[in-house]
């Protein structure tokens, strides 16, 4: 084989390799374009992040709860949250902490009666870095429903979490039913709560 023929053969071989390379590259680009069309950037963020709906209720100051929103304003929302005719006459914030090693958790608690039977509800609050306490619709809800003979129900807990209800009387037939929900609607569609400061300012203006 002459040198010219050998060079021509090599040129054809190189051309074939070049064409094969371009074909593969084109196929890869088409595949990437197809994938991008099927999975556009940001598909994982299609669902918009739901904004936090927590409402500031109080602040923990040296292990004491300083109410920013008066508890009296929360009685009617609790009555609506029970939704069974329970009349709520007391609202408070309570700390749950089984041992000093456990991180404290705070609950907004409403107490009342329904046809002579004791009722209580506890909603878990969010504790911020500055020790402010917020109630969000994502806060868990615990309800104690007592029998007529049970005058009072205690929330039972483990660590810093409520786990159930227990009647103060151990007599047969006196019991408490525990109901749990992962969220609550206490402050949904309710008028804007007025803080203690706003009420004090209003009194000064009047």
N, C-alpha and C. Protein backbone atom coordinates (compact mmCIF):
# COMPACT_ATOMS: atom_id res chain seq x y z
N UNK A 1 0.86 -1.19 0.00
CA UNK A 1 0.00 0.00 0.00
C UNK A 1 0.89 1.23 0.00
N UNK A 2 0.61 2.18 -0.88
CA UNK A 2 1.42 3.40 -0.97
C UNK A 2 1.10 4.30 0.19
N UNK A 3 2.01 5.24 0.40
CA UNK A 3 1.81 6.21 1.49
C UNK A 3 0.56 7.02 1.30
N UNK A 4 0.25 7.42 0.07
CA UNK A 4 -0.95 8.24 -0.22
C UNK A 4 -2.20 7.48 0.12
N UNK A 5 -2.24 6.16 -0.28
CA UNK A 5 -3.42 5.35 0.02
C UNK A 5 -3.59 5.17 1.51
N UNK A 6 -2.44 4.97 2.22
CA UNK A 6 -2.51 4.77 3.66
C UNK A 6 -3.07 6.03 4.33
N UNK A 7 -2.61 7.22 3.92
CA UNK A 7 -3.11 8.48 4.49
C UNK A 7 -4.59 8.66 4.22
N UNK A 8 -5.04 8.25 3.01
CA UNK A 8 -6.45 8.39 2.66
C UNK A 8 -7.30 7.49 3.54
N UNK A 9 -6.80 6.26 3.83
CA UNK A 9 -7.54 5.34 4.69
C UNK A 9 -7.66 5.89 6.11
N UNK A 10 -6.55 6.45 6.59
CA UNK A 10 -6.57 7.05 7.92
C UNK A 10 -7.51 8.23 7.99
N UNK A 11 -7.55 9.03 6.92
CA UNK A 11 -8.44 10.19 6.89
C UNK A 11 -9.88 9.75 6.95
N UNK A 12 -10.22 8.67 6.17
CA UNK A 12 -11.60 8.18 6.20
C UNK A 12 -11.96 7.63 7.58
N UNK A 13 -10.97 6.92 8.21
CA UNK A 13 -11.23 6.39 9.55
C UNK A 13 -11.45 7.50 10.55
N UNK A 14 -10.63 8.55 10.46
CA UNK A 14 -10.79 9.68 11.37
C UNK A 14 -12.12 10.37 11.16
N UNK A 15 -12.55 10.47 9.90
CA UNK A 15 -13.83 11.11 9.59
C UNK A 15 -14.98 10.31 10.19
N UNK A 16 -14.87 8.97 10.08
CA UNK A 16 -15.92 8.13 10.66
C UNK A 16 -16.00 8.30 12.17
N UNK A 17 -14.84 8.34 12.83
CA UNK A 17 -14.82 8.55 14.28
C UNK A 17 -15.43 9.90 14.65
N UNK A 18 -15.12 10.92 13.84
CA UNK A 18 -15.64 12.26 14.10
C UNK A 18 -17.16 12.29 13.97
N UNK A 19 -17.66 11.64 12.88
CA UNK A 19 -19.11 11.59 12.68
C UNK A 19 -19.79 10.83 13.81
N UNK A 20 -19.17 9.72 14.26
CA UNK A 20 -19.74 8.94 15.35
C UNK A 20 -19.78 9.75 16.64
N UNK A 21 -18.71 10.53 16.88
CA UNK A 21 -18.65 11.37 18.08
C UNK A 21 -19.73 12.44 18.06
N UNK A 22 -19.91 13.09 16.90
CA UNK A 22 -20.93 14.14 16.77
C UNK A 22 -22.33 13.56 16.96
N UNK A 23 -22.53 12.34 16.45
CA UNK A 23 -23.82 11.70 16.58
C UNK A 23 -24.14 11.42 18.05
N UNK A 24 -23.15 10.91 18.77
CA UNK A 24 -23.35 10.63 20.19
C UNK A 24 -23.58 11.90 20.99
N UNK A 25 -22.83 12.95 20.65
CA UNK A 25 -22.98 14.22 21.35
C UNK A 25 -24.36 14.80 21.13
N UNK A 26 -24.84 14.71 19.87
CA UNK A 26 -26.17 15.21 19.54
C UNK A 26 -27.24 14.45 20.30
N UNK A 27 -27.06 13.13 20.40
CA UNK A 27 -28.02 12.29 21.12
C UNK A 27 -28.04 12.66 22.60
N UNK A 28 -26.88 12.91 23.16
CA UNK A 28 -26.79 13.28 24.58
C UNK A 28 -27.48 14.60 24.84
N UNK A 29 -27.28 15.57 23.92
CA UNK A 29 -27.92 16.88 24.08
C UNK A 29 -29.44 16.73 24.03
N UNK A 30 -29.91 15.91 23.09
CA UNK A 30 -31.36 15.71 22.96
C UNK A 30 -31.92 15.08 24.23
N UNK A 31 -31.15 14.13 24.80
CA UNK A 31 -31.61 13.48 26.03
C UNK A 31 -31.69 14.47 27.17
N UNK A 32 -30.66 15.34 27.28
CA UNK A 32 -30.68 16.34 28.34
C UNK A 32 -31.84 17.30 28.17
N UNK A 33 -32.10 17.71 26.93
CA UNK A 33 -33.21 18.62 26.67
C UNK A 33 -34.52 17.97 27.05
N UNK A 34 -34.67 16.66 26.75
CA UNK A 34 -35.90 15.94 27.07
C UNK A 34 -36.09 15.88 28.59
N UNK A 35 -34.99 15.58 29.30
CA UNK A 35 -35.06 15.49 30.75
C UNK A 35 -35.42 16.85 31.35
N UNK A 36 -34.82 17.92 30.79
CA UNK A 36 -35.12 19.25 31.30
C UNK A 36 -36.56 19.63 31.06
N UNK A 37 -37.11 19.18 29.93
CA UNK A 37 -38.50 19.49 29.65
C UNK A 37 -39.42 18.73 30.60
N UNK A 38 -39.05 17.46 30.90
CA UNK A 38 -39.88 16.66 31.79
C UNK A 38 -39.72 17.09 33.24
N UNK A 39 -38.51 17.53 33.62
CA UNK A 39 -38.23 17.93 34.99
C UNK A 39 -37.61 19.33 34.99
N UNK A 40 -38.38 20.35 34.75
CA UNK A 40 -37.84 21.70 34.73
C UNK A 40 -37.22 22.06 36.07
N UNK A 41 -36.25 22.95 36.02
CA UNK A 41 -35.58 23.36 37.25
C UNK A 41 -36.60 23.95 38.21
N UNK A 42 -36.47 23.59 39.48
CA UNK A 42 -37.38 24.12 40.50
C UNK A 42 -38.66 23.34 40.65
N UNK A 43 -38.73 22.13 39.98
CA UNK A 43 -39.96 21.34 40.10
C UNK A 43 -40.20 20.96 41.55
N UNK A 44 -39.11 20.77 42.31
CA UNK A 44 -39.26 20.41 43.71
C UNK A 44 -39.86 21.54 44.52
N UNK A 45 -39.86 22.75 43.94
CA UNK A 45 -40.39 23.90 44.65
C UNK A 45 -41.72 24.36 44.05
N UNK A 46 -42.42 23.42 43.39
CA UNK A 46 -43.70 23.76 42.78
C UNK A 46 -44.67 24.22 43.85
N UNK A 47 -44.70 23.49 44.97
CA UNK A 47 -45.57 23.88 46.06
C UNK A 47 -44.93 25.03 46.83
N UNK A 48 -45.61 26.16 46.85
CA UNK A 48 -45.08 27.33 47.55
C UNK A 48 -45.03 27.05 49.05
N UNK A 49 -43.99 27.54 49.68
CA UNK A 49 -43.84 27.34 51.11
C UNK A 49 -44.95 28.08 51.84
N UNK A 50 -45.66 27.36 52.72
CA UNK A 50 -46.76 27.95 53.47
C UNK A 50 -46.18 28.85 54.55
N UNK A 51 -46.57 30.12 54.60
CA UNK A 51 -46.02 31.03 55.60
C UNK A 51 -46.43 30.62 57.02
N UNK A 52 -45.57 30.90 57.96
CA UNK A 52 -45.85 30.56 59.36
C UNK A 52 -47.00 31.43 59.86
N UNK A 53 -47.97 30.80 60.52
CA UNK A 53 -49.17 31.54 60.95
C UNK A 53 -49.23 31.68 62.47
N UNK A 54 -48.09 31.54 63.13
CA UNK A 54 -48.08 31.64 64.60
C UNK A 54 -48.46 33.02 65.10
N UNK A 55 -49.21 33.04 66.20
CA UNK A 55 -49.63 34.29 66.84
C UNK A 55 -48.94 34.39 68.20
N UNK A 56 -48.29 35.52 68.45
CA UNK A 56 -47.57 35.73 69.70
C UNK A 56 -48.58 35.86 70.85
N UNK A 57 -48.46 35.00 71.85
CA UNK A 57 -49.38 35.02 72.98
C UNK A 57 -48.72 35.42 74.29
N UNK A 58 -47.46 35.03 74.48
CA UNK A 58 -46.81 35.28 75.76
C UNK A 58 -45.31 35.17 75.61
N UNK A 59 -44.62 35.44 76.71
CA UNK A 59 -43.16 35.31 76.73
C UNK A 59 -42.75 34.76 78.08
N UNK A 60 -41.75 33.87 78.05
CA UNK A 60 -41.24 33.29 79.29
C UNK A 60 -40.11 34.18 79.81
N UNK A 61 -40.29 34.72 81.02
CA UNK A 61 -39.30 35.60 81.63
C UNK A 61 -38.92 35.00 82.99
N UNK A 62 -37.68 34.51 83.08
CA UNK A 62 -37.19 33.89 84.32
C UNK A 62 -38.17 32.82 84.82
N UNK A 63 -38.57 31.95 83.91
CA UNK A 63 -39.44 30.82 84.21
C UNK A 63 -40.86 31.23 84.59
N UNK A 64 -41.20 32.49 84.35
CA UNK A 64 -42.56 32.98 84.57
C UNK A 64 -43.18 33.36 83.23
N UNK A 65 -44.43 33.00 83.02
CA UNK A 65 -45.11 33.32 81.77
C UNK A 65 -45.70 34.71 81.85
N UNK A 66 -45.23 35.58 80.98
CA UNK A 66 -45.75 36.95 80.88
C UNK A 66 -46.74 37.00 79.72
N UNK A 67 -48.02 37.11 80.02
CA UNK A 67 -49.06 37.10 78.99
C UNK A 67 -49.05 38.39 78.19
N UNK A 68 -48.94 38.27 76.89
CA UNK A 68 -49.03 39.42 76.00
C UNK A 68 -50.47 39.61 75.55
N UNK A 69 -51.16 38.52 75.28
CA UNK A 69 -52.59 38.54 74.97
C UNK A 69 -53.34 38.06 76.21
N UNK A 70 -54.27 38.85 76.75
CA UNK A 70 -55.03 38.42 77.93
C UNK A 70 -55.74 37.09 77.68
N UNK A 71 -55.69 36.21 78.66
CA UNK A 71 -56.30 34.89 78.50
C UNK A 71 -57.82 34.98 78.30
N UNK A 72 -58.44 36.07 78.78
CA UNK A 72 -59.89 36.21 78.62
C UNK A 72 -60.30 36.26 77.15
N UNK A 73 -59.40 36.78 76.30
CA UNK A 73 -59.71 36.87 74.88
C UNK A 73 -59.74 35.49 74.20
N UNK A 74 -59.19 34.51 74.86
CA UNK A 74 -59.09 33.18 74.25
C UNK A 74 -60.21 32.24 74.68
N UNK A 75 -61.08 32.68 75.59
CA UNK A 75 -62.16 31.81 76.06
C UNK A 75 -63.15 31.49 74.94
N UNK A 76 -63.58 32.51 74.22
CA UNK A 76 -64.54 32.28 73.14
C UNK A 76 -63.95 31.42 72.02
N UNK A 77 -62.70 31.67 71.59
CA UNK A 77 -62.09 30.77 70.61
C UNK A 77 -62.02 29.32 71.09
N UNK A 78 -61.77 29.11 72.38
CA UNK A 78 -61.74 27.74 72.91
C UNK A 78 -63.13 27.10 72.84
N UNK A 79 -64.16 27.87 73.17
CA UNK A 79 -65.53 27.36 73.09
C UNK A 79 -65.84 26.91 71.67
N UNK A 80 -65.40 27.73 70.70
CA UNK A 80 -65.62 27.39 69.30
C UNK A 80 -64.80 26.17 68.90
N UNK A 81 -63.59 26.04 69.43
CA UNK A 81 -62.73 24.91 69.09
C UNK A 81 -63.29 23.60 69.64
N UNK A 82 -63.87 23.63 70.84
CA UNK A 82 -64.52 22.43 71.38
C UNK A 82 -65.68 22.05 70.48
N UNK A 83 -66.52 23.00 70.17
CA UNK A 83 -67.61 22.78 69.22
C UNK A 83 -68.69 21.80 69.68
N UNK A 84 -68.78 21.56 71.00
CA UNK A 84 -69.79 20.61 71.49
C UNK A 84 -70.62 21.19 72.63
N UNK A 85 -70.60 22.50 72.77
CA UNK A 85 -71.35 23.12 73.85
C UNK A 85 -70.56 23.31 75.12
N UNK A 86 -69.28 22.95 75.12
CA UNK A 86 -68.44 23.17 76.30
C UNK A 86 -68.30 24.65 76.59
N UNK A 87 -68.55 25.02 77.84
CA UNK A 87 -68.40 26.40 78.28
C UNK A 87 -67.05 26.54 78.96
N UNK A 88 -66.15 27.30 78.38
CA UNK A 88 -64.79 27.47 78.91
C UNK A 88 -64.77 28.68 79.83
N UNK A 89 -64.30 28.49 81.06
CA UNK A 89 -64.26 29.58 82.02
C UNK A 89 -62.85 29.89 82.52
N UNK A 90 -61.86 29.16 81.98
CA UNK A 90 -60.49 29.43 82.41
C UNK A 90 -59.51 29.05 81.31
N UNK A 91 -58.55 29.94 81.06
CA UNK A 91 -57.51 29.70 80.06
C UNK A 91 -56.17 30.06 80.67
N UNK A 92 -55.17 29.24 80.44
CA UNK A 92 -53.85 29.48 81.02
C UNK A 92 -52.78 28.84 80.14
N UNK A 93 -51.54 29.18 80.40
CA UNK A 93 -50.40 28.54 79.74
C UNK A 93 -49.65 27.74 80.79
N UNK A 94 -49.39 26.47 80.49
CA UNK A 94 -48.72 25.59 81.44
C UNK A 94 -47.47 24.97 80.82
N UNK A 95 -46.44 24.82 81.65
CA UNK A 95 -45.19 24.18 81.21
C UNK A 95 -45.24 22.69 81.52
N UNK A 96 -44.79 21.88 80.57
CA UNK A 96 -44.69 20.43 80.76
C UNK A 96 -43.22 20.06 80.71
N UNK A 97 -42.73 19.48 81.80
CA UNK A 97 -41.32 19.10 81.90
C UNK A 97 -41.19 18.04 82.99
N UNK A 98 -41.03 16.80 82.59
CA UNK A 98 -41.02 15.70 83.56
C UNK A 98 -39.80 15.76 84.46
N UNK A 99 -38.62 16.00 83.89
CA UNK A 99 -37.39 16.12 84.67
C UNK A 99 -36.62 17.36 84.21
N UNK A 100 -35.64 17.73 84.98
CA UNK A 100 -34.84 18.90 84.62
C UNK A 100 -34.01 18.66 83.36
N UNK A 101 -33.78 17.38 83.06
CA UNK A 101 -33.03 17.06 81.85
C UNK A 101 -33.88 17.23 80.59
N UNK A 102 -35.19 17.22 80.73
CA UNK A 102 -36.08 17.38 79.58
C UNK A 102 -36.22 18.85 79.20
N UNK A 103 -36.26 19.09 77.89
CA UNK A 103 -36.53 20.44 77.43
C UNK A 103 -37.99 20.78 77.75
N UNK A 104 -38.26 21.97 78.30
CA UNK A 104 -39.65 22.31 78.62
C UNK A 104 -40.49 22.54 77.37
N UNK A 105 -41.75 22.17 77.46
CA UNK A 105 -42.71 22.47 76.41
C UNK A 105 -43.86 23.24 77.05
N UNK A 106 -44.48 24.11 76.27
CA UNK A 106 -45.55 24.95 76.80
C UNK A 106 -46.85 24.69 76.04
N UNK A 107 -47.94 24.67 76.80
CA UNK A 107 -49.26 24.39 76.23
C UNK A 107 -50.25 25.47 76.65
N UNK A 108 -51.09 25.86 75.72
CA UNK A 108 -52.21 26.74 76.02
C UNK A 108 -53.38 25.84 76.40
N UNK A 109 -53.90 26.03 77.62
CA UNK A 109 -54.91 25.13 78.17
C UNK A 109 -56.22 25.86 78.42
N UNK A 110 -57.32 25.26 77.97
CA UNK A 110 -58.65 25.79 78.25
C UNK A 110 -59.44 24.78 79.05
N UNK A 111 -60.09 25.24 80.15
CA UNK A 111 -60.84 24.36 81.03
C UNK A 111 -62.31 24.76 81.04
N UNK A 112 -63.21 23.77 81.12
CA UNK A 112 -64.63 24.10 81.14
C UNK A 112 -65.49 22.90 81.44
N UNK A 113 -66.81 23.06 81.25
CA UNK A 113 -67.78 22.02 81.52
C UNK A 113 -68.73 21.88 80.33
N UNK A 114 -69.19 20.64 80.15
CA UNK A 114 -70.16 20.36 79.10
C UNK A 114 -71.21 19.40 79.66
N UNK A 115 -72.42 19.96 79.91
CA UNK A 115 -73.51 19.17 80.50
C UNK A 115 -73.08 18.48 81.80
N UNK A 116 -72.39 19.22 82.64
CA UNK A 116 -71.98 18.70 83.94
C UNK A 116 -70.72 17.86 83.92
N UNK A 117 -70.13 17.65 82.75
CA UNK A 117 -68.92 16.84 82.64
C UNK A 117 -67.71 17.74 82.36
N UNK A 118 -66.61 17.39 82.97
CA UNK A 118 -65.39 18.19 82.86
C UNK A 118 -64.77 18.04 81.47
N UNK A 119 -64.27 19.17 80.94
CA UNK A 119 -63.59 19.18 79.65
C UNK A 119 -62.31 20.03 79.77
N UNK A 120 -61.27 19.59 79.08
CA UNK A 120 -60.04 20.38 79.01
C UNK A 120 -59.39 20.19 77.65
N UNK A 121 -58.71 21.21 77.21
CA UNK A 121 -58.01 21.16 75.92
C UNK A 121 -56.64 21.80 76.08
N UNK A 122 -55.63 21.17 75.51
CA UNK A 122 -54.26 21.70 75.56
C UNK A 122 -53.70 21.78 74.15
N UNK A 123 -53.20 22.95 73.78
CA UNK A 123 -52.62 23.18 72.46
C UNK A 123 -51.14 23.48 72.63
N UNK A 124 -50.29 22.74 71.93
CA UNK A 124 -48.85 22.94 72.09
C UNK A 124 -48.42 24.24 71.43
N UNK A 125 -47.61 25.01 72.16
CA UNK A 125 -47.11 26.29 71.68
C UNK A 125 -45.69 26.14 71.14
N UNK A 126 -45.32 27.05 70.25
CA UNK A 126 -43.96 27.10 69.73
C UNK A 126 -43.14 28.06 70.58
N UNK A 127 -41.97 27.61 71.01
CA UNK A 127 -41.08 28.43 71.82
C UNK A 127 -39.96 28.96 70.93
N UNK A 128 -39.91 30.29 70.78
CA UNK A 128 -38.90 30.92 69.93
C UNK A 128 -37.58 31.08 70.69
N UNK A 129 -36.55 31.48 69.95
CA UNK A 129 -35.22 31.62 70.55
C UNK A 129 -35.19 32.69 71.63
N UNK A 130 -36.08 33.70 71.53
CA UNK A 130 -36.12 34.76 72.54
C UNK A 130 -37.13 34.45 73.65
N UNK A 131 -37.54 33.18 73.74
CA UNK A 131 -38.50 32.71 74.75
C UNK A 131 -39.92 33.23 74.55
N UNK A 132 -40.23 33.67 73.34
CA UNK A 132 -41.61 34.05 73.03
C UNK A 132 -42.42 32.80 72.72
N UNK A 133 -43.69 32.82 73.07
CA UNK A 133 -44.57 31.68 72.86
C UNK A 133 -45.61 32.01 71.79
N UNK A 134 -45.66 31.18 70.76
CA UNK A 134 -46.57 31.39 69.64
C UNK A 134 -47.51 30.20 69.52
N UNK A 135 -48.75 30.49 69.12
CA UNK A 135 -49.70 29.43 68.78
C UNK A 135 -49.88 29.40 67.28
N UNK A 136 -49.57 28.26 66.67
CA UNK A 136 -49.74 28.06 65.24
C UNK A 136 -50.85 27.04 65.01
N UNK A 137 -51.44 27.08 63.83
CA UNK A 137 -52.46 26.08 63.49
C UNK A 137 -51.85 24.68 63.41
N UNK A 138 -50.52 24.59 63.35
CA UNK A 138 -49.85 23.29 63.30
C UNK A 138 -49.56 22.73 64.69
N UNK A 139 -49.94 23.48 65.72
CA UNK A 139 -49.74 22.99 67.07
C UNK A 139 -50.69 21.84 67.39
N UNK A 140 -50.17 20.80 68.02
CA UNK A 140 -51.00 19.63 68.33
C UNK A 140 -52.09 19.98 69.34
N UNK A 141 -53.19 19.23 69.28
CA UNK A 141 -54.33 19.48 70.17
C UNK A 141 -54.66 18.21 70.96
N UNK A 142 -54.81 18.37 72.28
CA UNK A 142 -55.18 17.27 73.17
C UNK A 142 -56.46 17.67 73.90
N UNK A 143 -57.43 16.75 73.94
CA UNK A 143 -58.69 17.01 74.65
C UNK A 143 -58.94 15.89 75.65
N UNK A 144 -59.33 16.28 76.87
CA UNK A 144 -59.77 15.34 77.89
C UNK A 144 -61.27 15.47 78.05
N UNK A 145 -61.99 14.37 77.86
CA UNK A 145 -63.44 14.33 78.02
C UNK A 145 -63.75 13.36 79.16
N UNK A 146 -64.27 13.91 80.27
CA UNK A 146 -64.49 13.07 81.43
C UNK A 146 -65.92 12.54 81.48
N UNK A 147 -66.11 11.46 82.23
CA UNK A 147 -67.45 10.96 82.51
C UNK A 147 -68.07 11.87 83.58
N UNK A 148 -69.39 11.74 83.78
CA UNK A 148 -70.08 12.61 84.73
C UNK A 148 -69.50 12.49 86.14
N UNK A 149 -69.12 11.27 86.55
CA UNK A 149 -68.62 11.08 87.90
C UNK A 149 -67.21 11.59 88.13
N UNK A 150 -66.48 11.90 87.06
CA UNK A 150 -65.09 12.38 87.20
C UNK A 150 -65.09 13.90 87.29
N UNK A 151 -64.72 14.41 88.43
CA UNK A 151 -64.75 15.85 88.62
C UNK A 151 -63.61 16.59 87.95
N UNK A 152 -62.50 15.91 87.71
CA UNK A 152 -61.33 16.59 87.13
C UNK A 152 -60.45 15.59 86.42
N UNK A 153 -59.90 15.99 85.27
CA UNK A 153 -58.97 15.15 84.50
C UNK A 153 -57.59 15.78 84.49
N UNK A 154 -56.58 14.98 84.72
CA UNK A 154 -55.20 15.43 84.59
C UNK A 154 -54.67 14.99 83.22
N UNK A 155 -53.87 15.86 82.61
CA UNK A 155 -53.12 15.43 81.43
C UNK A 155 -51.92 14.63 81.92
N UNK A 156 -51.71 13.47 81.36
CA UNK A 156 -50.50 12.71 81.67
C UNK A 156 -49.45 13.02 80.60
N UNK A 157 -48.19 12.93 80.97
CA UNK A 157 -47.13 13.28 80.02
C UNK A 157 -45.88 12.47 80.26
N UNK A 158 -45.06 12.43 79.23
CA UNK A 158 -43.76 11.77 79.29
C UNK A 158 -42.73 12.71 78.69
N UNK A 159 -41.70 13.02 79.45
CA UNK A 159 -40.72 14.01 78.97
C UNK A 159 -41.36 15.38 78.94
N UNK A 160 -41.60 15.88 77.73
CA UNK A 160 -42.29 17.16 77.60
C UNK A 160 -43.51 17.06 76.67
N UNK A 161 -44.01 15.83 76.49
CA UNK A 161 -45.13 15.61 75.59
C UNK A 161 -46.33 15.03 76.35
N UNK A 162 -47.51 15.57 76.09
CA UNK A 162 -48.74 15.02 76.66
C UNK A 162 -49.02 13.67 76.00
N UNK A 163 -49.34 12.69 76.81
CA UNK A 163 -49.56 11.34 76.29
C UNK A 163 -50.98 10.83 76.52
N UNK A 164 -51.76 11.47 77.40
CA UNK A 164 -53.10 10.99 77.68
C UNK A 164 -53.79 11.79 78.77
N UNK A 165 -54.86 11.22 79.32
CA UNK A 165 -55.65 11.85 80.37
C UNK A 165 -55.91 10.85 81.48
N UNK A 166 -56.06 11.35 82.70
CA UNK A 166 -56.33 10.49 83.84
C UNK A 166 -57.27 11.20 84.79
N UNK A 167 -58.29 10.48 85.27
CA UNK A 167 -59.26 11.06 86.19
C UNK A 167 -58.66 11.18 87.59
N UNK A 168 -59.03 12.26 88.29
CA UNK A 168 -58.52 12.46 89.65
C UNK A 168 -59.10 11.42 90.61
N UNK A 169 -60.25 10.84 90.26
CA UNK A 169 -60.87 9.80 91.07
C UNK A 169 -60.66 8.44 90.42
N UNK A 170 -60.27 7.46 91.21
CA UNK A 170 -60.03 6.12 90.68
C UNK A 170 -61.26 5.22 90.82
N UNK A 171 -62.39 5.80 91.20
CA UNK A 171 -63.59 4.99 91.38
C UNK A 171 -64.02 4.37 90.05
N UNK A 172 -64.58 3.19 90.07
CA UNK A 172 -65.03 2.53 88.83
C UNK A 172 -66.02 3.40 88.06
N UNK A 173 -65.82 3.48 86.77
CA UNK A 173 -66.70 4.27 85.92
C UNK A 173 -66.28 5.71 85.76
N UNK A 174 -65.37 6.18 86.62
CA UNK A 174 -64.87 7.54 86.49
C UNK A 174 -63.62 7.51 85.61
N UNK A 175 -63.76 7.98 84.41
CA UNK A 175 -62.62 7.92 83.50
C UNK A 175 -62.57 9.15 82.61
N UNK A 176 -61.47 9.30 81.91
CA UNK A 176 -61.26 10.42 80.98
C UNK A 176 -60.89 9.85 79.61
N UNK A 177 -61.52 10.38 78.61
CA UNK A 177 -61.19 9.99 77.24
C UNK A 177 -60.22 11.00 76.65
N UNK A 178 -59.16 10.49 76.06
CA UNK A 178 -58.15 11.36 75.45
C UNK A 178 -58.33 11.40 73.95
N UNK A 179 -58.43 12.59 73.41
CA UNK A 179 -58.52 12.76 71.96
C UNK A 179 -57.36 13.62 71.48
N UNK A 180 -56.76 13.21 70.37
CA UNK A 180 -55.56 13.90 69.87
C UNK A 180 -55.73 14.30 68.41
N UNK A 181 -55.22 15.47 68.07
CA UNK A 181 -55.20 15.93 66.69
C UNK A 181 -53.85 16.60 66.43
N UNK A 182 -53.35 16.48 65.22
CA UNK A 182 -52.04 17.04 64.89
C UNK A 182 -52.06 18.55 64.72
N UNK A 183 -53.23 19.14 64.58
CA UNK A 183 -53.30 20.59 64.41
C UNK A 183 -54.55 21.13 65.07
N UNK A 184 -54.75 22.45 64.96
CA UNK A 184 -55.90 23.09 65.60
C UNK A 184 -56.36 24.28 64.77
N UNK A 185 -57.56 24.76 65.06
CA UNK A 185 -58.11 25.92 64.34
C UNK A 185 -58.54 27.00 65.32
N UNK A 186 -57.91 27.04 66.49
CA UNK A 186 -58.34 27.95 67.55
C UNK A 186 -58.41 29.40 67.10
N UNK A 187 -57.40 29.86 66.38
CA UNK A 187 -57.35 31.28 66.01
C UNK A 187 -57.77 31.52 64.57
N UNK A 188 -58.32 30.49 63.92
CA UNK A 188 -58.78 30.66 62.54
C UNK A 188 -60.07 31.46 62.51
N UNK A 189 -60.12 32.45 61.62
CA UNK A 189 -61.31 33.28 61.42
C UNK A 189 -61.76 33.98 62.69
N UNK A 190 -60.82 34.25 63.59
CA UNK A 190 -61.15 35.00 64.80
C UNK A 190 -60.66 36.44 64.67
N UNK A 191 -61.34 37.39 65.33
CA UNK A 191 -60.90 38.78 65.29
C UNK A 191 -59.47 38.90 65.80
N UNK A 192 -58.79 39.94 65.37
CA UNK A 192 -57.40 40.13 65.79
C UNK A 192 -57.33 40.31 67.30
N UNK A 193 -56.40 39.57 67.91
CA UNK A 193 -56.25 39.64 69.36
C UNK A 193 -55.52 40.93 69.75
N UNK A 194 -55.96 41.52 70.82
CA UNK A 194 -55.33 42.74 71.31
C UNK A 194 -54.37 42.40 72.44
N UNK A 195 -53.16 42.91 72.33
CA UNK A 195 -52.18 42.67 73.38
C UNK A 195 -52.47 43.54 74.59
N UNK A 196 -51.84 43.21 75.72
CA UNK A 196 -52.00 44.02 76.93
C UNK A 196 -51.56 45.45 76.70
N UNK A 197 -50.51 45.64 75.91
CA UNK A 197 -50.01 46.99 75.64
C UNK A 197 -51.04 47.81 74.88
N UNK A 198 -51.68 47.19 73.88
CA UNK A 198 -52.69 47.90 73.11
C UNK A 198 -53.86 48.31 73.99
N UNK A 199 -54.26 47.44 74.89
CA UNK A 199 -55.37 47.76 75.78
C UNK A 199 -54.99 48.88 76.74
N UNK A 200 -53.76 48.86 77.23
CA UNK A 200 -53.30 49.93 78.12
C UNK A 200 -53.25 51.27 77.39
N UNK A 201 -52.78 51.26 76.13
CA UNK A 201 -52.74 52.49 75.34
C UNK A 201 -54.14 53.03 75.11
N UNK A 202 -55.10 52.13 74.86
CA UNK A 202 -56.47 52.54 74.62
C UNK A 202 -57.06 53.19 75.87
N UNK A 203 -56.76 52.63 77.05
CA UNK A 203 -57.26 53.19 78.30
C UNK A 203 -56.68 54.59 78.52
N UNK A 204 -55.39 54.76 78.19
CA UNK A 204 -54.79 56.08 78.36
C UNK A 204 -55.45 57.13 77.46
N UNK A 205 -55.75 56.72 76.21
CA UNK A 205 -56.37 57.66 75.27
C UNK A 205 -57.79 58.04 75.72
N UNK A 206 -58.46 57.10 76.37
CA UNK A 206 -59.82 57.38 76.85
C UNK A 206 -59.79 58.14 78.16
